[in-house]
Structures are given as structure tokens and as C-alpha cells.
């Protein structure tokens, strides 16, 4: 009898905490729906999505070391350019931090690097928001392909000098599938 109660308690406990663990299944389904390709960065692991009042996101991974996290947000193609969304998102997640203006990629570079029609990146220094809790800095990347979707990738970290190699190694972890390019 005690054994059955112990097993039942364990099952209930696991059911209660299971939403706290990352689940790549729904994220990977969305990745496919938006004609994207995701490559899990080396020495990263899935982590739970942390609800916050600033910005919902779909999936997160964290580096083994140093403190470096990547969050992904996928959206359907709203036929509105990234220049509309990036400043608003940036202000939401910057809090009282400094949002540097977004830098637009050359269209050819956006296509070559991400299979995208357009791409923008922005930097936030001194991030002070619920979204960025535990991190001081964010580089975020926005990519869009007409009739496919939009993706926002947030690279969160504390020490810019200690993360340059990680940024370079993970910057292209999400991009559009070359075989489904816009016609």
C-alpha cells in the first residue's frame, strides 16, 4: 500500500513539474511550418521558457558556460516589414537599458546568410526588464521571408568580451530552408 502511494505521489509530482522543462516538439513543428531550419548549437541544452510580462518566446537554449542564453520567437508572415516590429520589441525587452538602432542587413547578405528576404539586428546594453532578468546585454536578430514567416533570435549574456566566439558560433542557428525559397 505504501509503495502504491509513493508511486502515485511521484507520478503526480512529475506531472506537476513537467511543464517546467523545455519541449522542442512544438517548436520544431513551428520551425517546419515557417520553412525554417534549426540547428542546436554545440554544448547547449534546452531550458524552460520563462513566462514574463515583456515578451513571449517559444524556445530557449543555454550554453554550458559562460552564461549565454538564446531565445527564439517565431511568427507567421504578417506582410509587415521587420522595421515595424524590431524597435517595439527592443523597447519592451530593454526596459531602462540602451537600445541601439537596428541595423539592416544588405538584402543579398540576408539571403545568403539566412535565406531571408530581410534581416535586422540590434543590441541592448544594460538590459533591465523581466525578459532579460539575469542578463545585462542582448543582441537580437530578426529574419523574415515573404510568405513563410518571421523569426526573432535573442542572444542574452553578461560579458560581451567573453561571448564573441559564442555569438559567431550560434548566430546562424535558425535560418530559412533553402529548398523553399520565395519565388
Protein backbone atom coordinates (compact mmCIF):
# COMPACT_ATOMS: atom_id res chain seq x y z
CA UNK A 1 0.00 0.00 0.00
CA UNK A 2 2.80 2.46 0.91
CA UNK A 3 4.57 1.55 -2.33
CA UNK A 4 1.46 2.36 -4.39
CA UNK A 5 1.02 5.70 -2.60
CA UNK A 6 4.69 6.53 -3.15
CA UNK A 7 4.40 5.74 -6.87
CA UNK A 8 1.20 7.78 -7.15
CA UNK A 9 2.83 10.74 -5.37
CA UNK A 10 5.85 10.51 -7.67
CA UNK A 11 3.65 10.42 -10.80
CA UNK A 12 1.66 13.45 -9.59
CA UNK A 13 4.89 15.30 -8.79
CA UNK A 14 6.33 14.59 -12.25
CA UNK A 15 3.09 15.65 -13.93
CA UNK A 16 3.11 18.89 -11.96
CA UNK A 17 6.69 19.83 -12.87
CA UNK A 18 6.78 18.55 -16.45
CA UNK A 19 5.71 21.89 -17.98
CA UNK A 20 8.85 23.41 -16.46
CA UNK A 21 11.07 21.51 -18.84
CA UNK A 22 11.71 22.54 -22.43
CA UNK A 23 9.94 20.62 -25.14
CA UNK A 24 11.39 21.05 -28.59
CA UNK A 25 8.49 19.20 -30.26
CA UNK A 26 6.08 22.13 -30.69
CA UNK A 27 8.94 24.49 -31.53
CA UNK A 28 10.32 22.17 -34.22
CA UNK A 29 6.82 21.79 -35.67
CA UNK A 30 6.56 25.58 -35.96
CA UNK A 31 10.06 25.74 -37.44
CA UNK A 32 8.88 23.45 -40.24
CA UNK A 33 5.62 25.35 -40.77
CA UNK A 34 7.55 28.58 -41.31
CA UNK A 35 10.07 26.92 -43.66
CA UNK A 36 12.91 27.36 -41.18
CA UNK A 37 15.80 25.09 -40.25
CA UNK A 38 17.02 24.92 -36.65
CA UNK A 39 20.46 23.62 -35.69
CA UNK A 40 21.03 23.02 -31.98
CA UNK A 41 24.27 24.81 -31.11
CA UNK A 42 27.10 22.62 -29.79
CA UNK A 43 27.37 22.45 -25.99
CA UNK A 44 23.92 23.98 -25.47
CA UNK A 45 20.94 22.42 -23.73
CA UNK A 46 17.23 23.08 -23.78
CA UNK A 47 15.92 25.10 -20.87
CA UNK A 48 12.39 26.01 -19.80
CA UNK A 49 10.65 29.01 -21.31
CA UNK A 50 10.28 31.58 -18.54
CA UNK A 51 6.96 33.44 -18.64
CA UNK A 52 7.41 37.21 -18.40
CA UNK A 53 5.33 40.32 -18.97
CA UNK A 54 7.63 41.81 -21.61
CA UNK A 55 7.75 39.33 -24.48
CA UNK A 56 6.55 35.78 -25.05
CA UNK A 57 9.01 33.46 -26.73
CA UNK A 58 8.78 29.88 -27.97
CA UNK A 59 12.01 28.09 -27.12
CA UNK A 60 15.30 28.60 -25.27
CA UNK A 61 18.71 27.00 -25.04
CA UNK A 62 21.60 27.78 -22.73
CA UNK A 63 25.34 27.35 -23.08
CA UNK A 64 27.18 25.13 -20.63
CA UNK A 65 29.46 28.11 -19.96
CA UNK A 66 29.75 31.04 -19.80
CA UNK A 67 26.33 32.48 -19.01
CA UNK A 68 24.85 32.73 -22.52
CA UNK A 69 21.26 32.00 -23.49
CA UNK A 70 19.42 32.04 -26.80
CA UNK A 71 15.66 32.55 -27.04
CA UNK A 72 13.61 32.04 -30.17
CA UNK A 73 10.29 33.59 -31.18
CA UNK A 74 8.52 32.52 -34.37
CA UNK A 75 5.68 34.39 -36.04
CA UNK A 76 3.64 33.91 -39.20
CA UNK A 77 4.26 36.26 -42.10
CA UNK A 78 2.15 39.30 -41.35
CA UNK A 79 3.31 41.00 -44.55
CA UNK A 80 4.68 43.83 -42.41
CA UNK A 81 8.39 44.54 -42.56
CA UNK A 82 10.72 43.90 -39.66
CA UNK A 83 11.38 47.61 -39.26
CA UNK A 84 7.92 47.85 -37.66
CA UNK A 85 8.45 45.12 -35.06
CA UNK A 86 12.11 45.38 -34.11
CA UNK A 87 12.03 48.81 -32.38
CA UNK A 88 8.89 47.92 -30.40
CA UNK A 89 10.27 44.55 -29.27
CA UNK A 90 13.58 46.16 -28.47
CA UNK A 91 11.99 48.77 -26.22
CA UNK A 92 9.90 46.10 -24.49
CA UNK A 93 12.86 43.94 -23.61
CA UNK A 94 15.37 46.75 -22.95
CA UNK A 95 13.47 48.17 -20.00
CA UNK A 96 15.64 51.08 -18.90
CA UNK A 97 18.59 49.74 -20.90
CA UNK A 98 20.03 51.32 -24.04
CA UNK A 99 18.58 50.06 -27.32
CA UNK A 100 20.89 50.82 -30.19
CA UNK A 101 19.14 51.39 -33.50
CA UNK A 102 18.52 48.34 -35.64
CA UNK A 103 20.96 47.67 -38.42
CA UNK A 104 19.51 46.33 -41.64
CA UNK A 105 21.43 43.62 -43.50
CA UNK A 106 22.09 44.13 -47.18
CA UNK A 107 19.33 42.12 -48.97
CA UNK A 108 21.91 39.87 -50.64
CA UNK A 109 23.55 39.15 -47.27
CA UNK A 110 20.15 38.41 -45.71
CA UNK A 111 19.50 35.89 -48.49
CA UNK A 112 22.97 34.34 -48.37
CA UNK A 113 23.26 34.08 -44.58
CA UNK A 114 19.67 33.31 -43.54
CA UNK A 115 17.69 32.50 -46.70
CA UNK A 116 15.67 35.62 -45.79
CA UNK A 117 14.22 38.50 -47.77
CA UNK A 118 15.25 40.84 -44.98
CA UNK A 119 17.22 40.72 -41.75
CA UNK A 120 17.91 43.21 -38.99
CA UNK A 121 19.99 43.11 -35.82
CA UNK A 122 20.04 45.32 -32.75
CA UNK A 123 21.96 45.50 -29.49
CA UNK A 124 20.75 46.26 -25.98
CA UNK A 125 23.23 47.32 -23.30
CA UNK A 126 22.28 47.48 -19.63
CA UNK A 127 19.09 45.50 -20.14
CA UNK A 128 16.70 45.94 -17.24
CA UNK A 129 13.50 44.03 -17.86
CA UNK A 130 11.66 40.94 -16.77
CA UNK A 131 12.52 39.33 -20.12
CA UNK A 132 16.23 39.93 -19.53
CA UNK A 133 16.36 39.07 -15.83
CA UNK A 134 19.83 37.76 -15.02
CA UNK A 135 21.43 39.25 -18.14
CA UNK A 136 22.86 42.69 -18.90
CA UNK A 137 23.14 42.52 -22.68
CA UNK A 138 21.24 41.27 -25.68
CA UNK A 139 21.95 41.04 -29.36
CA UNK A 140 18.84 40.25 -31.26
CA UNK A 141 18.33 39.19 -34.80
CA UNK A 142 15.14 39.36 -36.83
CA UNK A 143 14.73 37.49 -40.11
CA UNK A 144 11.77 37.50 -42.48
CA UNK A 145 10.83 35.72 -45.67
CA UNK A 146 7.71 36.73 -47.56
CA UNK A 147 5.00 34.05 -47.45
CA UNK A 148 7.00 31.99 -44.92
CA UNK A 149 7.31 33.77 -41.61
CA UNK A 150 9.40 35.79 -39.23
CA UNK A 151 11.87 34.66 -36.60
CA UNK A 152 13.40 36.60 -33.75
CA UNK A 153 16.52 35.28 -32.04
CA UNK A 154 17.68 36.82 -28.76
CA UNK A 155 21.25 36.23 -27.60
CA UNK A 156 21.41 37.10 -23.88
CA UNK A 157 24.69 37.44 -21.98
CA UNK A 158 26.55 39.46 -19.37
CA UNK A 159 30.14 39.86 -20.55
CA UNK A 160 30.45 40.94 -24.20
CA UNK A 161 34.16 40.05 -24.29
CA UNK A 162 33.55 36.51 -23.13
CA UNK A 163 30.81 35.79 -25.65
CA UNK A 164 32.16 36.86 -29.03
CA UNK A 165 33.01 33.29 -30.05
CA UNK A 166 29.61 32.02 -28.88
CA UNK A 167 27.82 34.69 -30.90
CA UNK A 168 29.78 33.76 -34.01
CA UNK A 169 29.14 30.04 -33.50
CA UNK A 170 25.38 30.39 -32.88
CA UNK A 171 24.33 33.36 -34.99
CA UNK A 172 23.02 31.15 -37.82
CA UNK A 173 21.32 28.51 -35.64
CA UNK A 174 17.97 29.40 -37.21
CA UNK A 175 17.51 30.26 -40.86
CA UNK A 176 15.09 29.69 -43.70
CA UNK A 177 15.19 26.45 -45.65
CA UNK A 178 16.94 26.94 -48.98
CA UNK A 179 14.64 24.49 -50.76
CA UNK A 180 11.51 26.53 -50.04
CA UNK A 181 12.79 29.98 -51.03
CA UNK A 182 10.28 32.62 -52.11
CA UNK A 183 9.68 32.69 -55.80
